[in-house]
Amino acid sequence: MFRRTFIATSTAIAMFSATAAFADGHSKDIVDTAIDAGSFGTLVAAVQAAGLVDTLKSEGPFTVFAPTDDAFAALPAGTVEDLLKPENKEKLTAVLTYHVVPGKVMSSDLSNNMMATTAQGGDVTVMTEGGVTVNGANVVTADIAASNGVIHVIDAVILPE
């Protein structure tokens, strides 16, 4: 009995998962993709503190240059803690939205010395010679597809001027 119930449940879950996937084959949005990756805990906490979860779960599409936990740890001591304070929400939002470009920009769309306007309003410079960088941060993993855009993993936090 248990075995039949388990098999039936597993089959139902598999069928649901298959039908829940989006047309591009990716059922998880940018936020859930980042959570599942396991190396973006600080970024996810910051997105939550800034109140940007719903935005990054919306239809998009978005391109996110996502700093890893190690990238946040490389900031001067106390920087992350300071940014996460409620009174610094506006500054935190500016930093986070500086990592987001409206639209879905895949690595094949990039060119050397390309400028991209961020959701924050400032521009970032993409270089492609000798490896891809965004404002000097190295892209260490590119083209992580999500249902509402794409994530490019970077090794540093980029800051607006």
N, C-alpha and C. Protein backbone atom coordinates (compact mmCIF):
# COMPACT_ATOMS: atom_id res chain seq x y z
N MET A 1 0.83 -1.20 0.00
CA MET A 1 0.00 0.00 0.00
C MET A 1 0.87 1.26 0.00
N PHE A 2 1.84 1.30 0.92
CA PHE A 2 2.71 2.47 1.00
C PHE A 2 3.44 2.69 -0.33
N ARG A 3 3.94 1.59 -0.91
CA ARG A 3 4.71 1.69 -2.15
C ARG A 3 3.85 2.25 -3.27
N ARG A 4 2.60 1.78 -3.41
CA ARG A 4 1.70 2.29 -4.46
C ARG A 4 1.38 3.76 -4.24
N THR A 5 1.15 4.15 -2.99
CA THR A 5 0.86 5.55 -2.68
C THR A 5 2.07 6.42 -3.01
N PHE A 6 3.27 5.94 -2.63
CA PHE A 6 4.49 6.68 -2.92
C PHE A 6 4.68 6.85 -4.42
N ILE A 7 4.49 5.77 -5.19
CA ILE A 7 4.66 5.84 -6.64
C ILE A 7 3.62 6.76 -7.25
N ALA A 8 2.39 6.67 -6.82
CA ALA A 8 1.33 7.54 -7.36
C ALA A 8 1.62 8.99 -7.03
N THR A 9 2.05 9.25 -5.80
CA THR A 9 2.38 10.62 -5.41
C THR A 9 3.57 11.14 -6.21
N SER A 10 4.59 10.33 -6.35
CA SER A 10 5.77 10.73 -7.12
C SER A 10 5.40 11.03 -8.57
N THR A 11 4.55 10.20 -9.16
CA THR A 11 4.11 10.42 -10.53
C THR A 11 3.32 11.72 -10.65
N ALA A 12 2.44 11.95 -9.69
CA ALA A 12 1.64 13.18 -9.72
C ALA A 12 2.52 14.41 -9.58
N ILE A 13 3.51 14.34 -8.69
CA ILE A 13 4.43 15.47 -8.52
C ILE A 13 5.23 15.70 -9.79
N ALA A 14 5.71 14.64 -10.40
CA ALA A 14 6.48 14.77 -11.64
C ALA A 14 5.61 15.37 -12.74
N MET A 15 4.36 14.95 -12.84
CA MET A 15 3.47 15.49 -13.87
C MET A 15 3.19 16.96 -13.60
N PHE A 16 2.97 17.31 -12.31
CA PHE A 16 2.71 18.70 -11.98
C PHE A 16 3.93 19.56 -12.30
N SER A 17 5.12 19.08 -11.93
CA SER A 17 6.35 19.82 -12.19
C SER A 17 6.55 20.05 -13.68
N ALA A 18 6.26 19.04 -14.47
CA ALA A 18 6.43 19.17 -15.92
C ALA A 18 5.47 20.19 -16.50
N THR A 19 4.24 20.24 -15.99
CA THR A 19 3.27 21.19 -16.53
C THR A 19 3.47 22.58 -15.94
N ALA A 20 4.13 22.67 -14.78
CA ALA A 20 4.34 23.97 -14.15
C ALA A 20 5.50 24.73 -14.79
N ALA A 21 6.35 24.05 -15.51
CA ALA A 21 7.50 24.71 -16.14
C ALA A 21 7.02 25.71 -17.19
N PHE A 22 7.74 26.77 -17.33
CA PHE A 22 7.39 27.78 -18.31
C PHE A 22 7.86 27.36 -19.69
N ALA A 23 7.42 28.10 -20.69
CA ALA A 23 7.72 27.76 -22.08
C ALA A 23 9.22 27.67 -22.34
N ASP A 24 10.03 28.48 -21.65
CA ASP A 24 11.47 28.44 -21.89
C ASP A 24 12.15 27.32 -21.10
N GLY A 25 11.35 26.54 -20.38
CA GLY A 25 11.89 25.39 -19.67
C GLY A 25 12.40 25.69 -18.28
N HIS A 26 12.20 26.90 -17.77
CA HIS A 26 12.69 27.28 -16.46
C HIS A 26 11.51 27.70 -15.61
N SER A 27 11.25 26.96 -14.55
CA SER A 27 10.08 27.22 -13.74
C SER A 27 10.36 28.13 -12.54
N LYS A 28 11.63 28.39 -12.24
CA LYS A 28 11.96 29.22 -11.09
C LYS A 28 12.37 30.62 -11.52
N ASP A 29 11.87 31.59 -10.76
CA ASP A 29 12.22 32.98 -11.05
C ASP A 29 13.62 33.28 -10.52
N ILE A 30 14.05 34.50 -10.71
CA ILE A 30 15.41 34.91 -10.32
C ILE A 30 15.65 34.72 -8.83
N VAL A 31 14.70 35.10 -7.99
CA VAL A 31 14.88 34.97 -6.54
C VAL A 31 15.01 33.51 -6.15
N ASP A 32 14.10 32.67 -6.61
CA ASP A 32 14.15 31.25 -6.24
C ASP A 32 15.38 30.56 -6.81
N THR A 33 15.81 30.96 -7.99
CA THR A 33 17.03 30.40 -8.58
C THR A 33 18.24 30.77 -7.71
N ALA A 34 18.29 32.01 -7.24
CA ALA A 34 19.38 32.45 -6.38
C ALA A 34 19.36 31.71 -5.04
N ILE A 35 18.18 31.52 -4.49
CA ILE A 35 18.07 30.80 -3.21
C ILE A 35 18.57 29.37 -3.38
N ASP A 36 18.13 28.71 -4.44
CA ASP A 36 18.51 27.32 -4.67
C ASP A 36 20.00 27.14 -4.93
N ALA A 37 20.65 28.17 -5.47
CA ALA A 37 22.08 28.07 -5.77
C ALA A 37 22.90 27.92 -4.50
N GLY A 38 22.45 28.51 -3.40
CA GLY A 38 23.13 28.36 -2.13
C GLY A 38 24.32 29.27 -1.90
N SER A 39 24.71 30.06 -2.87
CA SER A 39 25.88 30.94 -2.70
C SER A 39 25.51 32.43 -2.73
N PHE A 40 24.22 32.70 -2.57
CA PHE A 40 23.73 34.08 -2.63
C PHE A 40 22.92 34.46 -1.39
N GLY A 41 23.26 33.90 -0.24
CA GLY A 41 22.51 34.18 0.98
C GLY A 41 22.49 35.66 1.33
N THR A 42 23.62 36.32 1.21
CA THR A 42 23.70 37.74 1.54
C THR A 42 22.88 38.56 0.55
N LEU A 43 22.98 38.23 -0.73
CA LEU A 43 22.21 38.93 -1.75
C LEU A 43 20.71 38.76 -1.50
N VAL A 44 20.28 37.55 -1.22
CA VAL A 44 18.86 37.30 -0.97
C VAL A 44 18.39 38.06 0.27
N ALA A 45 19.20 38.05 1.34
CA ALA A 45 18.85 38.80 2.55
C ALA A 45 18.73 40.29 2.25
N ALA A 46 19.63 40.80 1.43
CA ALA A 46 19.60 42.22 1.07
C ALA A 46 18.36 42.54 0.22
N VAL A 47 18.04 41.67 -0.71
CA VAL A 47 16.85 41.86 -1.55
C VAL A 47 15.60 41.88 -0.66
N GLN A 48 15.55 41.00 0.33
CA GLN A 48 14.42 40.98 1.26
C GLN A 48 14.37 42.26 2.08
N ALA A 49 15.52 42.70 2.60
CA ALA A 49 15.57 43.91 3.43
C ALA A 49 15.17 45.15 2.64
N ALA A 50 15.48 45.16 1.34
CA ALA A 50 15.15 46.31 0.50
C ALA A 50 13.72 46.26 -0.02
N GLY A 51 13.03 45.15 0.21
CA GLY A 51 11.66 45.03 -0.27
C GLY A 51 11.57 44.81 -1.77
N LEU A 52 12.59 44.16 -2.35
CA LEU A 52 12.63 43.96 -3.81
C LEU A 52 12.26 42.55 -4.24
N VAL A 53 11.85 41.70 -3.31
CA VAL A 53 11.53 40.31 -3.66
C VAL A 53 10.41 40.25 -4.70
N ASP A 54 9.32 40.95 -4.45
CA ASP A 54 8.18 40.91 -5.39
C ASP A 54 8.58 41.43 -6.77
N THR A 55 9.41 42.45 -6.81
CA THR A 55 9.87 42.99 -8.09
C THR A 55 10.66 41.94 -8.86
N LEU A 56 11.60 41.28 -8.18
CA LEU A 56 12.44 40.29 -8.86
C LEU A 56 11.75 38.95 -9.07
N LYS A 57 10.55 38.82 -8.54
CA LYS A 57 9.73 37.65 -8.82
C LYS A 57 8.70 37.97 -9.92
N SER A 58 8.60 39.22 -10.31
CA SER A 58 7.61 39.61 -11.32
C SER A 58 8.05 39.15 -12.71
N GLU A 59 7.23 39.45 -13.69
CA GLU A 59 7.44 38.93 -15.05
C GLU A 59 8.78 39.30 -15.67
N GLY A 60 9.26 40.50 -15.40
CA GLY A 60 10.54 40.90 -16.00
C GLY A 60 10.42 41.12 -17.49
N PRO A 61 11.42 40.77 -18.26
CA PRO A 61 12.63 40.04 -17.86
C PRO A 61 13.69 40.97 -17.26
N PHE A 62 14.56 40.36 -16.47
CA PHE A 62 15.65 41.07 -15.82
C PHE A 62 16.96 40.34 -16.08
N THR A 63 18.03 41.11 -16.10
CA THR A 63 19.38 40.56 -16.07
C THR A 63 19.98 40.99 -14.75
N VAL A 64 20.41 40.03 -13.96
CA VAL A 64 20.98 40.33 -12.64
C VAL A 64 22.44 39.93 -12.63
N PHE A 65 23.29 40.89 -12.31
CA PHE A 65 24.71 40.62 -12.07
C PHE A 65 24.79 40.36 -10.56
N ALA A 66 24.85 39.07 -10.20
CA ALA A 66 24.67 38.65 -8.81
C ALA A 66 25.99 38.40 -8.09
N PRO A 67 26.31 39.25 -7.12
CA PRO A 67 27.51 39.01 -6.32
C PRO A 67 27.30 37.81 -5.38
N THR A 68 28.33 37.01 -5.25
CA THR A 68 28.28 35.86 -4.34
C THR A 68 28.43 36.32 -2.90
N ASP A 69 28.23 35.38 -1.98
CA ASP A 69 28.46 35.68 -0.56
C ASP A 69 29.90 36.12 -0.34
N ASP A 70 30.85 35.48 -1.03
CA ASP A 70 32.26 35.88 -0.91
C ASP A 70 32.49 37.30 -1.38
N ALA A 71 31.75 37.73 -2.41
CA ALA A 71 31.89 39.10 -2.91
C ALA A 71 31.43 40.10 -1.84
N PHE A 72 30.32 39.79 -1.18
CA PHE A 72 29.85 40.68 -0.10
C PHE A 72 30.82 40.66 1.07
N ALA A 73 31.40 39.49 1.37
CA ALA A 73 32.34 39.37 2.48
C ALA A 73 33.62 40.17 2.23
N ALA A 74 33.94 40.43 0.97
CA ALA A 74 35.15 41.17 0.62
C ALA A 74 34.99 42.69 0.81
N LEU A 75 33.76 43.14 1.04
CA LEU A 75 33.54 44.57 1.30
C LEU A 75 34.17 44.92 2.65
N PRO A 76 34.49 46.20 2.87
CA PRO A 76 35.05 46.59 4.17
C PRO A 76 34.15 46.14 5.33
N ALA A 77 34.77 45.79 6.43
CA ALA A 77 34.04 45.31 7.62
C ALA A 77 32.91 46.27 7.99
N GLY A 78 31.74 45.71 8.24
CA GLY A 78 30.59 46.50 8.67
C GLY A 78 29.74 47.05 7.54
N THR A 79 30.22 46.98 6.30
CA THR A 79 29.48 47.56 5.17
C THR A 79 28.12 46.90 4.99
N VAL A 80 28.10 45.58 4.94
CA VAL A 80 26.84 44.86 4.71
C VAL A 80 25.88 45.12 5.87
N GLU A 81 26.37 45.01 7.09
CA GLU A 81 25.53 45.24 8.26
C GLU A 81 24.94 46.64 8.24
N ASP A 82 25.74 47.62 7.83
CA ASP A 82 25.27 49.00 7.76
C ASP A 82 24.18 49.16 6.68
N LEU A 83 24.42 48.54 5.53
CA LEU A 83 23.43 48.63 4.44
C LEU A 83 22.11 47.97 4.81
N LEU A 84 22.15 46.94 5.65
CA LEU A 84 20.94 46.21 6.01
C LEU A 84 20.10 46.90 7.09
N LYS A 85 20.60 47.99 7.65
CA LYS A 85 19.84 48.73 8.66
C LYS A 85 18.63 49.39 8.00
N PRO A 86 17.48 49.38 8.67
CA PRO A 86 16.27 49.96 8.08
C PRO A 86 16.44 51.42 7.62
N GLU A 87 17.24 52.17 8.33
CA GLU A 87 17.43 53.58 7.95
C GLU A 87 18.26 53.75 6.67
N ASN A 88 18.89 52.67 6.21
CA ASN A 88 19.69 52.73 4.98
C ASN A 88 19.03 51.99 3.81
N LYS A 89 17.72 51.78 3.91
CA LYS A 89 16.99 51.04 2.89
C LYS A 89 17.13 51.68 1.50
N GLU A 90 17.10 53.00 1.43
CA GLU A 90 17.22 53.69 0.14
C GLU A 90 18.59 53.44 -0.49
N LYS A 91 19.64 53.50 0.32
CA LYS A 91 20.99 53.25 -0.17
C LYS A 91 21.14 51.79 -0.61
N LEU A 92 20.60 50.86 0.20
CA LEU A 92 20.64 49.44 -0.14
C LEU A 92 19.92 49.18 -1.45
N THR A 93 18.75 49.79 -1.62
CA THR A 93 17.99 49.63 -2.86
C THR A 93 18.79 50.14 -4.05
N ALA A 94 19.47 51.25 -3.89
CA ALA A 94 20.29 51.79 -4.98
C ALA A 94 21.42 50.82 -5.35
N VAL A 95 22.06 50.24 -4.35
CA VAL A 95 23.15 49.29 -4.61
C VAL A 95 22.60 48.06 -5.34
N LEU A 96 21.50 47.53 -4.86
CA LEU A 96 20.94 46.31 -5.45
C LEU A 96 20.42 46.55 -6.87
N THR A 97 19.72 47.65 -7.09
CA THR A 97 19.17 47.91 -8.42
C THR A 97 20.26 48.28 -9.42
N TYR A 98 21.45 48.63 -8.92
CA TYR A 98 22.60 48.87 -9.78
C TYR A 98 23.13 47.57 -10.37
N HIS A 99 22.73 46.44 -9.78
CA HIS A 99 23.12 45.12 -10.27
C HIS A 99 22.08 44.52 -11.23
N VAL A 100 21.03 45.28 -11.54
CA VAL A 100 19.93 44.78 -12.37
C VAL A 100 19.80 45.62 -13.63
N VAL A 101 19.73 44.95 -14.77
CA VAL A 101 19.51 45.61 -16.05
C VAL A 101 18.16 45.11 -16.58
N PRO A 102 17.25 46.02 -16.89
CA PRO A 102 15.98 45.59 -17.47
C PRO A 102 16.21 44.84 -18.79
N GLY A 103 15.47 43.77 -19.01
CA GLY A 103 15.62 42.97 -20.21
C GLY A 103 16.48 41.75 -19.93
N LYS A 104 16.48 40.83 -20.87
CA LYS A 104 17.26 39.60 -20.73
C LYS A 104 18.49 39.70 -21.63
N VAL A 105 19.65 39.88 -21.01
CA VAL A 105 20.90 40.05 -21.75
C VAL A 105 21.76 38.80 -21.52
N MET A 106 21.87 37.99 -22.53
CA MET A 106 22.68 36.78 -22.46
C MET A 106 24.13 37.14 -22.79
N SER A 107 25.06 36.27 -22.43
CA SER A 107 26.46 36.55 -22.68
C SER A 107 26.75 36.73 -24.17
N SER A 108 25.99 36.05 -25.01
CA SER A 108 26.18 36.20 -26.45
C SER A 108 25.76 37.58 -26.96
N ASP A 109 25.03 38.34 -26.14
CA ASP A 109 24.59 39.69 -26.51
C ASP A 109 25.61 40.76 -26.13
N LEU A 110 26.64 40.37 -25.39
CA LEU A 110 27.61 41.33 -24.88
C LEU A 110 28.68 41.66 -25.90
N SER A 111 29.16 42.89 -25.81
CA SER A 111 30.27 43.30 -26.66
C SER A 111 31.23 44.14 -25.81
N ASN A 112 32.47 44.24 -26.27
CA ASN A 112 33.48 44.96 -25.51
C ASN A 112 33.13 46.44 -25.42
N ASN A 113 33.30 46.99 -24.22
CA ASN A 113 33.05 48.40 -23.93
C ASN A 113 31.57 48.76 -24.06
N MET A 114 30.72 47.78 -23.86
CA MET A 114 29.26 47.98 -23.93
C MET A 114 28.77 48.66 -22.66
N MET A 115 27.89 49.62 -22.84
CA MET A 115 27.27 50.31 -21.71
C MET A 115 25.85 49.76 -21.54
N ALA A 116 25.45 49.53 -20.30
CA ALA A 116 24.10 49.08 -20.01
C ALA A 116 23.54 49.93 -18.88
N THR A 117 22.33 50.42 -19.07
CA THR A 117 21.68 51.23 -18.05
C THR A 117 20.98 50.31 -17.06
N THR A 118 21.26 50.52 -15.79
CA THR A 118 20.71 49.67 -14.74
C THR A 118 19.35 50.17 -14.28
N ALA A 119 18.67 49.34 -13.50
CA ALA A 119 17.38 49.74 -12.93
C ALA A 119 17.56 50.90 -11.95
N GLN A 120 18.74 51.08 -11.42
CA GLN A 120 19.05 52.19 -10.51
C GLN A 120 19.14 53.49 -11.29
N GLY A 121 19.43 53.41 -12.59
CA GLY A 121 19.54 54.60 -13.43
C GLY A 121 20.95 54.89 -13.90
N GLY A 122 21.94 54.33 -13.22
CA GLY A 122 23.32 54.50 -13.64
C GLY A 122 23.69 53.49 -14.71
N ASP A 123 24.82 53.73 -15.34
CA ASP A 123 25.32 52.82 -16.37
C ASP A 123 26.45 51.96 -15.83
N VAL A 124 26.51 50.71 -16.32
CA VAL A 124 27.65 49.84 -16.05
C VAL A 124 28.36 49.59 -17.37
N THR A 125 29.66 49.35 -17.29
CA THR A 125 30.45 49.08 -18.49
C THR A 125 30.82 47.61 -18.51
N VAL A 126 30.52 46.97 -19.63
CA VAL A 126 30.83 45.56 -19.82
C VAL A 126 32.05 45.48 -20.74
N MET A 127 33.05 44.73 -20.30
CA MET A 127 34.23 44.48 -21.11
C MET A 127 34.28 42.98 -21.40
N THR A 128 34.72 42.63 -22.60
CA THR A 128 34.73 41.21 -22.97
C THR A 128 36.12 40.70 -23.35
N GLU A 129 37.12 41.56 -23.36
CA GLU A 129 38.46 41.11 -23.72
C GLU A 129 39.15 40.52 -22.50
N GLY A 130 39.68 39.31 -22.64
CA GLY A 130 40.36 38.66 -21.53
C GLY A 130 39.42 38.20 -20.44
N GLY A 131 38.19 37.92 -20.77
CA GLY A 131 37.16 37.54 -19.80
C GLY A 131 36.15 38.65 -19.68
N VAL A 132 34.97 38.32 -19.27
CA VAL A 132 33.89 39.31 -19.16
C VAL A 132 33.92 39.95 -17.78
N THR A 133 33.85 41.28 -17.78
CA THR A 133 33.75 42.03 -16.53
C THR A 133 32.61 43.04 -16.63
N VAL A 134 32.07 43.38 -15.47
CA VAL A 134 31.05 44.42 -15.35
C VAL A 134 31.56 45.40 -14.31
N ASN A 135 31.89 46.61 -14.76
CA ASN A 135 32.50 47.61 -13.87
C ASN A 135 33.67 47.02 -13.09
N GLY A 136 34.43 46.17 -13.73
CA GLY A 136 35.62 45.59 -13.11
C GLY A 136 35.38 44.29 -12.37
N ALA A 137 34.14 43.94 -12.09
CA ALA A 137 33.83 42.66 -11.43
C ALA A 137 33.83 41.56 -12.48
N ASN A 138 34.51 40.46 -12.19
CA ASN A 138 34.59 39.35 -13.13
C ASN A 138 33.29 38.55 -13.15
N VAL A 139 32.82 38.23 -14.34
CA VAL A 139 31.69 37.31 -14.47
C VAL A 139 32.28 35.91 -14.38
N VAL A 140 31.92 35.21 -13.29
CA VAL A 140 32.50 33.88 -13.06
C VAL A 140 31.60 32.76 -13.57
N THR A 141 30.32 33.03 -13.68
CA THR A 141 29.37 32.08 -14.28
C THR A 141 28.33 32.93 -15.01
N ALA A 142 28.11 32.59 -16.26
CA ALA A 142 27.17 33.38 -17.07
C ALA A 142 25.95 32.55 -17.45
N ASP A 143 24.90 33.27 -17.81
CA ASP A 143 23.72 32.68 -18.45
C ASP A 143 22.99 31.64 -17.60
N ILE A 144 22.78 31.93 -16.32
CA ILE A 144 21.94 31.06 -15.50
C ILE A 144 20.50 31.51 -15.75
N ALA A 145 19.79 30.70 -16.49
CA ALA A 145 18.44 31.07 -16.92
C ALA A 145 17.43 30.92 -15.79
N ALA A 146 16.49 31.85 -15.74
CA ALA A 146 15.37 31.81 -14.82
C ALA A 146 14.11 32.10 -15.64
N SER A 147 12.96 31.88 -15.05
CA SER A 147 11.72 32.07 -15.78
C SER A 147 11.49 33.53 -16.17
N ASN A 148 12.09 34.45 -15.43
CA ASN A 148 11.88 35.87 -15.70
C ASN A 148 13.18 36.62 -16.00
N GLY A 149 14.17 35.92 -16.52
CA GLY A 149 15.41 36.59 -16.89
C GLY A 149 16.62 35.70 -16.79
N VAL A 150 17.74 36.33 -16.48
CA VAL A 150 19.01 35.61 -16.45
C VAL A 150 19.90 36.18 -15.35
N ILE A 151 20.71 35.30 -14.76
CA ILE A 151 21.67 35.70 -13.74
C ILE A 151 23.07 35.47 -14.28
N HIS A 152 23.94 36.47 -14.07
CA HIS A 152 25.36 36.33 -14.34
C HIS A 152 26.05 36.52 -12.98
N VAL A 153 26.79 35.53 -12.54
CA VAL A 153 27.45 35.58 -11.24
C VAL A 153 28.71 36.41 -11.34
N ILE A 154 28.88 37.37 -10.42
CA ILE A 154 30.08 38.20 -10.40
C ILE A 154 30.81 38.04 -9.08
N ASP A 155 32.11 38.34 -9.10
CA ASP A 155 32.96 38.12 -7.93
C ASP A 155 33.17 39.34 -7.06
N ALA A 156 32.44 40.41 -7.31
CA ALA A 156 32.56 41.63 -6.52
C ALA A 156 31.22 42.36 -6.51
N VAL A 157 31.02 43.16 -5.48
CA VAL A 157 29.84 44.01 -5.43
C VAL A 157 30.18 45.29 -6.17
N ILE A 158 29.34 45.67 -7.13
CA ILE A 158 29.58 46.93 -7.85
C ILE A 158 28.73 48.03 -7.20
N LEU A 159 29.31 49.19 -7.07
CA LEU A 159 28.64 50.27 -6.35
C LEU A 159 28.38 51.46 -7.27
N PRO A 160 27.17 52.03 -7.17
CA PRO A 160 26.89 53.22 -7.99
C PRO A 160 27.71 54.41 -7.50
N GLU A 161 27.93 55.33 -8.40
CA GLU A 161 28.72 56.52 -8.03
C GLU A 161 27.89 57.48 -7.20
